[in-house]
Amino acid sequence: MKKIKSDRKLRGITMLLCLCLLAGGCAKPQNVTGDSDTISDSKKQSTRSETTENSFINDSKETTEETDPLPNNYEQAVASAYKRSVLYAGSKEMRSALTTVLKKAESGQKIVFAALGDSITFGAGAIPGGEWVSLVTEWLENLDRNSSNKNVTLLNAGIGGTEAVYGAARLERDVLSLHPDFVIVDFGTNDFGLPHGAEAYEGILTKLISAGIPVINSNVCPRSGNNIQNEQLPINQAYGVPQVSFRSAYHELSEVTELEGLRANDLWTADNVHPTQEGHRLLADLIIHFLNNDILSSELPDDDISLKLPKSVTKNGFSDAVLIENTSSDSRISVHLGDGWTADYSANLEQIRSEGWQSSVIGSSITFTTNSAYFYVMYTRSKKSGNIEVRIDGELKETFTDAYNSIGYRGMSIARVVMYFDIPGEHTVTLTLSDNPATEKDWCGICAVGASGFSS
């Protein structure tokens, strides 16, 4: 495999009664994703007709977490998790496009598989090679049983602490420029509670489908269960994008089951955010089961399919998002460095690699002139960072006080959307370093900025 750089109350009395009444073994398969004799070999476990009966009675039907009797063994639990995981099977056109890619892999042709997301996509909580993206890649490689050549290139575009707005901005740089054959988009956890997550997600789909690239949406979640999969569902249905949910498969079960390997402490690390190695394996197996059982075994045509864009579900103001760094050139955005600001900040933060701007002069400003409706800022959070005042067209709108981080963690902020108008126009965005009494040396590092919703 090649790589390119890149919490809740129980459901109620029913669940408790089931837990008391049901008992059984917890025989746990040793290798769900890799062994052809285990439950993950979906060609042996279930047929297309079974899947059609259970998952695809109506392509637009949402599969939600239901209060079913608790399974009394591991195999039953995983089998029922498969059924719950598919929130939407995808349009016929999208599934046919995915069939084409998988059959290329079966025949030994080279394909590029890209995964776009956050720290879970990057692999947090897993051992090297045990990340869900790596396990899916391994399955793709093994589709070609006649060759030992590794013809699948994994493009892991997961970056910790990020969300869909930043994903939309960096999509060209980190994914599209490397020409993937298909993409799994795994945003939604860090977007929970933010105002533009679903809209930015739609922007990502717009860009990928415009490029003719088939897409799958994967929904992970922290132990709390928080994500935006319900907001993503109508978007996926409009765009024909399959939606496979780890949350729907395992989240509620994990809080009530006593089956080893499926309890919450088995699936999430001590931080209650990232999956354990077992969590990564089960997530990969959901995706593999869908690809194997519902795409390869579905007798869908693999002819060339033209993927079409639907009418937008949201404002879709991120469909033309661009990422601006100090090395970027875009005629629609200009940068003016005030005294004290320099364009020499290499932001090497965890998985972040970005070329931005910095200043150590209190009161100094950097100004961006943009002909857009949306503008967003990504800045460094560290022990030495001061406050950042944000002015739109000269008027103070907000002050970022969270750039300072007392524990010394050094990372990038989420993409802070500081400007969003109904229509585009020429505006100025001015960022000014101001004093934070908590830090000994005020400093500001802007990793990158983004803009979208440009005038046509």
Protein backbone atom coordinates (compact mmCIF):
# COMPACT_ATOMS: atom_id res chain seq x y z
CA MET A 1 0.00 0.00 0.00
CA LYS A 2 1.37 3.32 -1.02
CA LYS A 3 0.62 6.49 0.87
CA ILE A 4 0.63 10.08 -0.27
CA LYS A 5 1.30 12.86 2.28
CA SER A 6 -0.69 14.10 2.78
CA ASP A 7 -22.47 10.80 26.63
CA ARG A 8 -27.04 9.39 27.49
CA LYS A 9 -29.72 7.62 29.20
CA LEU A 10 -30.67 4.11 28.15
CA ARG A 11 -33.50 3.79 25.71
CA GLY A 12 -35.71 2.96 28.70
CA ILE A 13 -37.36 0.03 30.38
CA THR A 14 -37.31 -2.06 27.21
CA MET A 15 -33.55 -2.03 26.93
CA LEU A 16 -33.11 -2.81 30.65
CA LEU A 17 -35.53 -5.74 30.53
CA CYS A 18 -33.79 -7.09 27.44
CA LEU A 19 -30.44 -6.84 29.14
CA CYS A 20 -31.74 -8.84 32.11
CA LEU A 21 -33.45 -11.51 29.99
CA LEU A 22 -30.86 -12.06 27.33
CA ALA A 23 -27.70 -13.98 28.01
CA GLY A 24 -25.29 -15.73 25.81
CA GLY A 25 -21.82 -16.06 24.56
CA CYS A 26 -19.60 -13.38 23.25
CA ALA A 27 -17.53 -15.37 20.83
CA LYS A 28 -15.62 -12.68 19.07
CA PRO A 29 -14.14 -13.28 15.64
CA GLN A 30 -10.42 -12.68 15.49
CA ASN A 31 -10.29 -10.88 12.19
CA VAL A 32 -13.52 -9.35 10.96
CA THR A 33 -12.01 -7.47 8.09
CA GLY A 34 -9.45 -9.84 6.72
CA ASP A 35 -10.42 -13.52 7.15
CA SER A 36 -12.68 -14.99 4.49
CA ASP A 37 -14.10 -17.45 7.05
CA THR A 38 -15.37 -14.74 9.40
CA ILE A 39 -18.50 -12.65 9.55
CA SER A 40 -17.00 -9.89 7.45
CA ASP A 41 -16.98 -12.02 4.31
CA SER A 42 -20.30 -10.63 3.20
CA LYS A 43 -20.54 -12.92 0.19
CA LYS A 44 -20.83 -15.81 2.63
CA GLN A 45 -22.79 -14.03 5.30
CA SER A 46 -25.62 -12.56 3.25
CA THR A 47 -26.96 -12.29 -0.24
CA ARG A 48 -28.01 -9.28 -2.23
CA SER A 49 -31.66 -10.24 -1.76
CA GLU A 50 -31.24 -10.20 2.02
CA THR A 51 -29.63 -6.81 1.86
CA THR A 52 -32.36 -5.50 -0.39
CA GLU A 53 -34.98 -6.74 2.04
CA ASN A 54 -33.28 -5.22 5.07
CA SER A 55 -31.65 -2.05 3.84
CA PHE A 56 -32.97 -0.88 0.52
CA ILE A 57 -36.74 -1.18 0.62
CA ASN A 58 -36.69 2.54 -0.07
CA ASP A 59 -33.47 4.20 -1.12
CA SER A 60 -34.55 7.44 0.54
CA LYS A 61 -35.50 5.83 3.86
CA GLU A 62 -33.38 6.82 6.85
CA THR A 63 -32.24 3.91 8.95
CA THR A 64 -32.26 5.21 12.52
CA GLU A 65 -31.21 3.73 15.82
CA GLU A 66 -34.13 1.49 16.83
CA THR A 67 -35.03 -0.10 20.16
CA ASP A 68 -34.58 -3.74 19.19
CA PRO A 69 -33.99 -6.69 21.55
CA LEU A 70 -30.35 -6.85 22.53
CA PRO A 71 -28.40 -9.51 20.62
CA ASN A 72 -27.06 -12.27 22.86
CA ASN A 73 -23.82 -12.96 21.00
CA TYR A 74 -21.19 -11.07 19.11
CA GLU A 75 -22.08 -12.36 15.66
CA GLN A 76 -25.74 -11.36 16.02
CA ALA A 77 -24.68 -7.93 17.24
CA VAL A 78 -22.40 -7.29 14.28
CA ALA A 79 -24.97 -8.59 11.80
CA SER A 80 -27.61 -6.24 13.19
CA ALA A 81 -25.08 -3.41 13.16
CA TYR A 82 -24.64 -3.89 9.42
CA LYS A 83 -28.35 -3.35 8.90
CA ARG A 84 -28.45 -0.20 11.02
CA SER A 85 -25.36 1.31 9.49
CA VAL A 86 -26.69 2.12 6.02
CA LEU A 87 -28.69 5.32 6.36
CA TYR A 88 -28.91 5.72 2.61
CA ALA A 89 -27.78 3.28 -0.06
CA GLY A 90 -27.03 5.88 -2.71
CA SER A 91 -28.47 6.54 -6.11
CA LYS A 92 -28.22 3.97 -8.86
CA GLU A 93 -25.84 6.25 -10.73
CA MET A 94 -23.51 6.66 -7.76
CA ARG A 95 -23.52 2.95 -6.97
CA SER A 96 -22.77 2.19 -10.61
CA ALA A 97 -19.85 4.62 -10.55
CA LEU A 98 -18.53 2.89 -7.42
CA THR A 99 -18.94 -0.47 -9.16
CA THR A 100 -16.69 0.72 -11.95
CA VAL A 101 -13.95 1.62 -9.49
CA LEU A 102 -14.17 -1.64 -7.57
CA LYS A 103 -14.06 -3.70 -10.75
CA LYS A 104 -10.94 -1.83 -11.78
CA ALA A 105 -9.38 -2.92 -8.50
CA GLU A 106 -10.59 -6.50 -9.05
CA SER A 107 -8.90 -6.60 -12.44
CA GLY A 108 -5.59 -5.35 -11.07
CA GLN A 109 -5.79 -1.84 -12.46
CA LYS A 110 -4.33 0.94 -10.38
CA ILE A 111 -6.74 3.05 -8.37
CA VAL A 112 -6.36 5.92 -5.91
CA PHE A 113 -8.58 5.81 -2.82
CA ALA A 114 -8.83 9.08 -0.88
CA ALA A 115 -10.25 9.70 2.59
CA LEU A 116 -11.01 13.27 3.62
CA GLY A 117 -11.71 14.02 7.26
CA ASP A 118 -10.39 14.75 10.72
CA SER A 119 -8.20 13.00 13.32
CA ILE A 120 -10.21 9.78 13.14
CA THR A 121 -9.57 9.62 9.42
CA PHE A 122 -5.92 10.38 10.09
CA GLY A 123 -5.85 7.37 12.42
CA ALA A 124 -5.97 8.65 15.99
CA GLY A 125 -6.46 5.76 18.39
CA ALA A 126 -5.19 3.08 15.99
CA ILE A 127 -1.86 1.34 15.64
CA PRO A 128 0.12 2.01 12.44
CA GLY A 129 -1.60 0.11 9.67
CA GLY A 130 -4.69 -0.43 11.79
CA GLU A 131 -6.40 2.82 10.87
CA TRP A 132 -9.79 2.33 9.25
CA VAL A 133 -8.52 3.86 6.04
CA SER A 134 -5.61 1.39 5.92
CA LEU A 135 -7.93 -1.56 6.54
CA VAL A 136 -10.24 -0.48 3.73
CA THR A 137 -7.21 -0.07 1.47
CA GLU A 138 -6.01 -3.58 2.34
CA TRP A 139 -9.41 -4.98 1.35
CA LEU A 140 -9.30 -3.08 -1.93
CA GLU A 141 -5.86 -4.51 -2.66
CA ASN A 142 -7.07 -8.03 -1.99
CA LEU A 143 -9.86 -7.73 -4.54
CA ASP A 144 -7.31 -8.71 -7.16
CA ARG A 145 -6.67 -12.32 -6.19
CA ASN A 146 -4.46 -12.98 -9.21
CA SER A 147 -1.67 -10.57 -8.33
CA SER A 148 0.53 -9.79 -5.39
CA ASN A 149 1.11 -6.27 -6.71
CA LYS A 150 -0.16 -3.42 -4.61
CA ASN A 151 -2.21 -1.41 -7.08
CA VAL A 152 -4.17 0.71 -4.61
CA THR A 153 -2.76 4.06 -3.54
CA LEU A 154 -4.12 5.46 -0.29
CA LEU A 155 -4.42 9.21 -0.03
CA ASN A 156 -5.10 9.92 3.64
CA ALA A 157 -6.27 13.53 3.79
CA GLY A 158 -7.32 13.41 7.43
CA ILE A 159 -6.19 16.30 9.62
CA GLY A 160 -6.84 16.33 13.35
CA GLY A 161 -9.06 18.99 14.88
CA THR A 162 -10.49 20.10 11.56
CA GLU A 163 -14.00 20.27 10.15
CA ALA A 164 -15.82 20.56 6.86
CA VAL A 165 -15.19 24.27 6.25
CA TYR A 166 -11.44 23.73 6.23
CA GLY A 167 -12.01 20.53 4.28
CA ALA A 168 -13.84 22.41 1.55
CA ALA A 169 -11.06 25.00 1.38
CA ARG A 170 -8.24 22.46 1.13
CA LEU A 171 -10.02 19.96 -1.09
CA GLU A 172 -8.23 21.04 -4.24
CA ARG A 173 -4.79 21.00 -2.65
CA ASP A 174 -5.13 17.78 -0.67
CA VAL A 175 -7.45 15.62 -2.81
CA LEU A 176 -8.53 16.82 -6.25
CA SER A 177 -5.04 17.67 -7.44
CA LEU A 178 -4.05 14.02 -6.88
CA HIS A 179 -6.89 12.63 -9.03
CA PRO A 180 -8.53 9.99 -6.80
CA ASP A 181 -10.84 7.34 -8.24
CA PHE A 182 -13.22 7.56 -5.30
CA VAL A 183 -13.41 9.39 -1.99
CA ILE A 184 -14.83 8.68 1.46
CA VAL A 185 -15.73 11.89 3.29
CA ASP A 186 -15.71 11.58 7.07
CA PHE A 187 -16.56 15.02 8.47
CA GLY A 188 -19.32 15.64 11.02
CA THR A 189 -17.86 15.12 14.50
CA ASN A 190 -15.96 18.38 14.85
CA ASP A 191 -18.77 20.13 12.97
CA PHE A 192 -21.29 19.40 15.74
CA GLY A 193 -22.64 22.68 17.10
CA LEU A 194 -21.02 24.78 14.39
CA PRO A 195 -23.18 26.84 12.02
CA HIS A 196 -21.75 25.93 8.62
CA GLY A 197 -20.86 22.23 8.81
CA ALA A 198 -23.63 20.83 6.62
CA GLU A 199 -23.30 23.64 4.11
CA ALA A 200 -19.56 23.13 3.82
CA TYR A 201 -20.14 19.39 3.48
CA GLU A 202 -22.44 20.06 0.54
CA GLY A 203 -19.72 22.21 -0.97
CA ILE A 204 -17.32 19.26 -0.78
CA LEU A 205 -19.80 16.98 -2.53
CA THR A 206 -20.41 19.61 -5.21
CA LYS A 207 -16.71 19.82 -5.99
CA LEU A 208 -16.14 16.06 -6.04
CA ILE A 209 -19.20 15.20 -8.14
CA SER A 210 -18.44 18.05 -10.54
CA ALA A 211 -15.12 16.30 -11.10
CA GLY A 212 -16.91 12.99 -11.78
CA ILE A 213 -15.59 11.34 -8.60
CA PRO A 214 -17.89 8.91 -6.75
CA VAL A 215 -18.27 9.55 -3.02
CA ILE A 216 -19.30 7.74 0.17
CA ASN A 217 -20.14 9.52 3.43
CA SER A 218 -18.92 7.84 6.62
CA ASN A 219 -20.32 8.96 9.98
CA VAL A 220 -18.16 8.38 13.04
CA CYS A 221 -18.83 9.92 16.45
CA PRO A 222 -17.27 10.39 19.87
CA ARG A 223 -18.67 8.43 22.81
CA SER A 224 -21.24 11.21 23.31
CA GLY A 225 -22.70 10.35 19.92
CA ASN A 226 -22.49 13.93 18.72
CA ASN A 227 -22.21 14.40 14.97
CA ILE A 228 -24.20 15.99 12.17
CA GLN A 229 -25.25 12.88 10.25
CA ASN A 230 -28.95 13.86 10.37
CA GLU A 231 -28.09 17.16 8.70
CA GLN A 232 -25.99 15.37 6.11
CA LEU A 233 -28.67 12.81 5.23
CA PRO A 234 -30.91 15.05 3.04
CA ILE A 235 -27.81 16.33 1.28
CA ASN A 236 -26.66 12.80 0.57
CA GLN A 237 -30.10 11.84 -0.70
CA ALA A 238 -30.12 14.79 -3.06
CA TYR A 239 -26.64 14.03 -4.39
CA GLY A 240 -27.06 10.24 -4.43
CA VAL A 241 -24.20 9.71 -1.97
CA PRO A 242 -24.28 6.54 0.17
CA GLN A 243 -24.19 7.18 3.91
CA VAL A 244 -22.70 4.57 6.26
CA SER A 245 -22.90 5.33 9.98
CA PHE A 246 -20.76 3.90 12.77
CA ARG A 247 -22.93 5.88 15.20
CA SER A 248 -26.14 4.21 14.04
CA ALA A 249 -24.47 0.80 14.06
CA TYR A 250 -22.77 0.78 17.43
CA HIS A 251 -23.26 3.90 19.54
CA GLU A 252 -26.45 3.02 21.44
CA LEU A 253 -25.58 -0.67 21.56
CA SER A 254 -22.22 0.11 23.14
CA GLU A 255 -23.84 1.75 26.17
CA VAL A 256 -26.14 -1.19 27.04
CA THR A 257 -24.40 -4.34 25.86
CA GLU A 258 -22.18 -6.58 27.98
CA LEU A 259 -20.63 -8.24 24.94
CA GLU A 260 -16.85 -8.00 24.99
CA GLY A 261 -15.53 -5.94 22.12
CA LEU A 262 -18.72 -3.93 21.68
CA ARG A 263 -18.93 -2.04 24.97
CA ALA A 264 -18.25 1.68 24.96
CA ASN A 265 -14.90 1.25 26.67
CA ASP A 266 -13.96 -1.24 23.97
CA LEU A 267 -14.79 1.17 21.15
CA TRP A 268 -13.50 4.53 22.39
CA THR A 269 -10.17 5.48 23.91
CA ALA A 270 -9.83 7.14 27.30
CA ASP A 271 -10.39 10.57 25.75
CA ASN A 272 -13.96 9.42 24.78
CA VAL A 273 -13.42 10.99 21.36
CA HIS A 274 -11.31 8.70 19.22
CA PRO A 275 -12.00 5.06 18.39
CA THR A 276 -9.79 2.34 19.78
CA GLN A 277 -8.13 -0.12 17.47
CA GLU A 278 -11.27 -2.23 17.79
CA GLY A 279 -13.36 0.78 16.90
CA HIS A 280 -11.29 1.43 13.79
CA ARG A 281 -11.63 -2.23 12.77
CA LEU A 282 -15.42 -2.21 13.17
CA LEU A 283 -15.70 1.07 11.28
CA ALA A 284 -13.66 -0.33 8.41
CA ASP A 285 -15.77 -3.47 8.40
CA LEU A 286 -18.99 -1.48 8.00
CA ILE A 287 -17.57 0.24 4.93
CA ILE A 288 -16.16 -3.00 3.54
CA HIS A 289 -19.47 -4.78 4.06
CA PHE A 290 -21.28 -2.04 2.17
CA LEU A 291 -18.81 -2.04 -0.71
CA ASN A 292 -18.71 -5.81 -0.97
CA ASN A 293 -22.32 -6.73 -0.29
CA ASP A 294 -24.14 -3.76 -1.76
CA ILE A 295 -21.91 -2.65 -4.58
CA LEU A 296 -19.87 -5.58 -5.90
CA SER A 297 -22.62 -8.15 -5.32
CA SER A 298 -25.41 -5.96 -6.59
CA GLU A 299 -25.24 -6.66 -10.33
CA LEU A 300 -25.14 -2.94 -11.03
CA PRO A 301 -23.83 -1.91 -14.43
CA ASP A 302 -20.29 -0.60 -14.45
CA ASP A 303 -20.71 1.49 -17.58
CA ASP A 304 -19.39 5.01 -17.63
CA ILE A 305 -21.85 7.03 -15.59
CA SER A 306 -22.24 10.76 -15.71
CA LEU A 307 -22.78 12.03 -12.19
CA LYS A 308 -25.05 15.05 -12.14
CA LEU A 309 -25.45 17.86 -9.65
CA PRO A 310 -28.91 18.39 -8.09
CA LYS A 311 -30.48 21.58 -6.89
CA SER A 312 -28.63 22.76 -3.80
CA VAL A 313 -30.04 21.73 -0.42
CA THR A 314 -28.32 24.49 1.58
CA LYS A 315 -27.05 27.87 0.43
CA ASN A 316 -24.04 25.89 -0.80
CA GLY A 317 -21.73 28.81 -0.22
CA PHE A 318 -18.63 26.64 -0.04
CA SER A 319 -18.79 25.01 -3.45
CA ASP A 320 -16.08 27.35 -4.78
CA ALA A 321 -13.99 27.48 -1.60
CA VAL A 322 -10.32 28.30 -1.95
CA LEU A 323 -7.46 28.07 0.52
CA ILE A 324 -5.10 31.02 0.66
CA GLU A 325 -1.58 30.70 2.03
CA ASN A 326 1.41 32.97 1.65
CA THR A 327 2.39 30.95 -1.40
CA SER A 328 -1.05 31.23 -3.04
CA SER A 329 -2.05 33.46 -5.89
CA ASP A 330 -5.70 34.30 -6.50
CA SER A 331 -6.75 37.47 -8.27
CA ARG A 332 -9.96 37.62 -6.21
CA ILE A 333 -8.07 38.00 -2.90
CA SER A 334 -5.28 40.43 -2.03
CA VAL A 335 -3.18 40.59 1.14
CA HIS A 336 -1.74 43.71 2.77
CA LEU A 337 0.85 43.23 5.52
CA GLY A 338 0.93 45.98 8.12
CA ASP A 339 4.09 46.83 10.04
CA GLY A 340 5.20 43.85 12.08
CA TRP A 341 3.59 41.17 9.89
CA THR A 342 5.71 38.83 7.80
CA ALA A 343 4.80 36.15 5.26
CA ASP A 344 7.23 33.56 6.59
CA TYR A 345 5.22 31.43 9.03
CA SER A 346 5.51 27.70 8.39
CA ALA A 347 2.76 26.19 10.51
CA ASN A 348 3.98 22.67 11.24
CA LEU A 349 1.32 21.66 13.76
CA GLU A 350 0.51 17.98 14.20
CA GLN A 351 -0.72 17.02 10.72
CA ILE A 352 -0.98 20.65 9.61
CA ARG A 353 1.43 21.84 7.00
CA SER A 354 0.58 25.37 6.01
CA GLU A 355 2.44 28.49 4.95
CA GLY A 356 0.98 31.60 6.56
CA TRP A 357 1.72 34.90 8.26
CA GLN A 358 2.90 35.98 11.73
CA SER A 359 3.48 39.03 13.94
CA SER A 360 4.78 39.84 17.41
CA VAL A 361 3.81 43.53 17.38
CA ILE A 362 0.78 44.51 19.46
CA GLY A 363 -1.62 46.56 17.36
CA SER A 364 -0.25 45.36 14.04
CA SER A 365 -2.73 44.28 11.37
CA ILE A 366 -2.96 42.11 8.28
CA THR A 367 -5.76 42.94 5.84
CA PHE A 368 -7.36 40.74 3.20
CA THR A 369 -9.48 42.23 0.43
CA THR A 370 -11.90 39.70 -1.04
CA ASN A 371 -14.70 39.66 -3.57
CA SER A 372 -16.69 36.93 -1.81
CA ALA A 373 -19.60 36.27 0.55
CA TYR A 374 -17.73 34.03 2.99
CA PHE A 375 -14.32 34.37 4.63
CA TYR A 376 -12.70 32.11 7.23
CA VAL A 377 -9.53 32.18 9.30
CA MET A 378 -7.34 29.38 10.65
CA TYR A 379 -4.90 30.47 13.36
CA THR A 380 -2.43 28.87 15.72
CA ARG A 381 -3.44 28.17 19.31
CA SER A 382 -0.46 28.11 21.65
CA LYS A 383 0.91 29.30 24.97
CA LYS A 384 2.42 32.41 23.43
CA SER A 385 -0.53 33.50 21.28
CA GLY A 386 -2.25 36.82 21.91
CA ASN A 387 -5.80 37.82 21.05
CA ILE A 388 -6.92 38.46 17.49
CA GLU A 389 -9.36 41.27 16.74
CA VAL A 390 -11.48 40.76 13.61
CA ARG A 391 -12.83 43.72 11.66
CA ILE A 392 -15.06 43.47 8.60
CA ASP A 393 -14.98 46.57 6.44
CA GLY A 394 -13.42 48.46 9.35
CA GLU A 395 -16.02 47.44 11.97
CA LEU A 396 -14.97 45.28 14.92
CA LYS A 397 -16.98 42.05 14.77
CA GLU A 398 -15.31 39.74 17.28
CA THR A 399 -12.11 38.95 19.13
CA PHE A 400 -10.54 35.52 19.18
CA THR A 401 -9.43 34.98 22.78
CA ASP A 402 -8.88 31.25 22.41
CA ALA A 403 -5.65 31.59 20.46
CA TYR A 404 -3.93 31.49 23.84
CA ASN A 405 -3.79 27.95 25.22
CA SER A 406 -2.54 27.69 28.80
CA ILE A 407 -1.57 24.00 28.70
CA GLY A 408 0.91 24.61 25.92
CA TYR A 409 -0.97 22.64 23.27
CA ARG A 410 0.15 23.89 19.92
CA GLY A 411 -2.32 23.33 17.15
CA MET A 412 -4.56 24.98 14.63
CA SER A 413 -7.96 26.43 15.38
CA ILE A 414 -11.04 25.30 13.56
CA ALA A 415 -11.85 27.32 10.48
CA ARG A 416 -13.54 30.36 12.01
CA VAL A 417 -16.08 31.78 9.56
CA VAL A 418 -15.83 35.50 10.26
CA MET A 419 -17.81 36.81 7.31
CA TYR A 420 -20.92 35.47 5.61
CA PHE A 421 -23.18 37.62 3.49
CA ASP A 422 -26.16 36.62 1.38
CA ILE A 423 -24.50 37.94 -1.74
CA PRO A 424 -20.85 38.41 -2.59
CA GLY A 425 -19.14 41.75 -2.83
CA GLU A 426 -15.85 43.43 -2.17
CA HIS A 427 -15.00 43.45 1.53
CA THR A 428 -11.98 43.84 3.75
CA VAL A 429 -11.12 41.48 6.61
CA THR A 430 -8.57 42.92 9.04
CA LEU A 431 -6.90 40.82 11.73
CA THR A 432 -5.13 42.72 14.51
CA LEU A 433 -2.89 41.27 17.22
CA SER A 434 -4.00 42.53 20.66
CA ASP A 435 -2.72 41.94 24.17
CA ASN A 436 -3.67 38.89 26.18
CA PRO A 437 -2.59 39.38 29.83
CA ALA A 438 -2.19 35.63 30.28
CA THR A 439 0.71 35.34 27.87
CA GLU A 440 4.19 36.68 28.47
CA LYS A 441 4.91 37.34 24.83
CA ASP A 442 2.05 38.18 22.53
CA TRP A 443 2.38 36.59 19.13
CA CYS A 444 0.00 35.69 16.34
CA GLY A 445 0.26 33.03 13.68
CA ILE A 446 -2.27 32.85 10.86
CA CYS A 447 -1.97 29.40 9.27
CA ALA A 448 -4.18 30.14 6.30
CA VAL A 449 -7.42 31.81 5.28
CA GLY A 450 -10.24 30.70 3.04
CA ALA A 451 -12.93 32.33 0.97
CA SER A 452 -15.95 31.24 -1.05
CA GLY A 453 -19.17 32.49 -2.57
CA PHE A 454 -17.40 34.63 -5.11
CA SER A 455 -18.99 36.98 -7.59
CA SER A 456 -19.42 35.24 -10.90
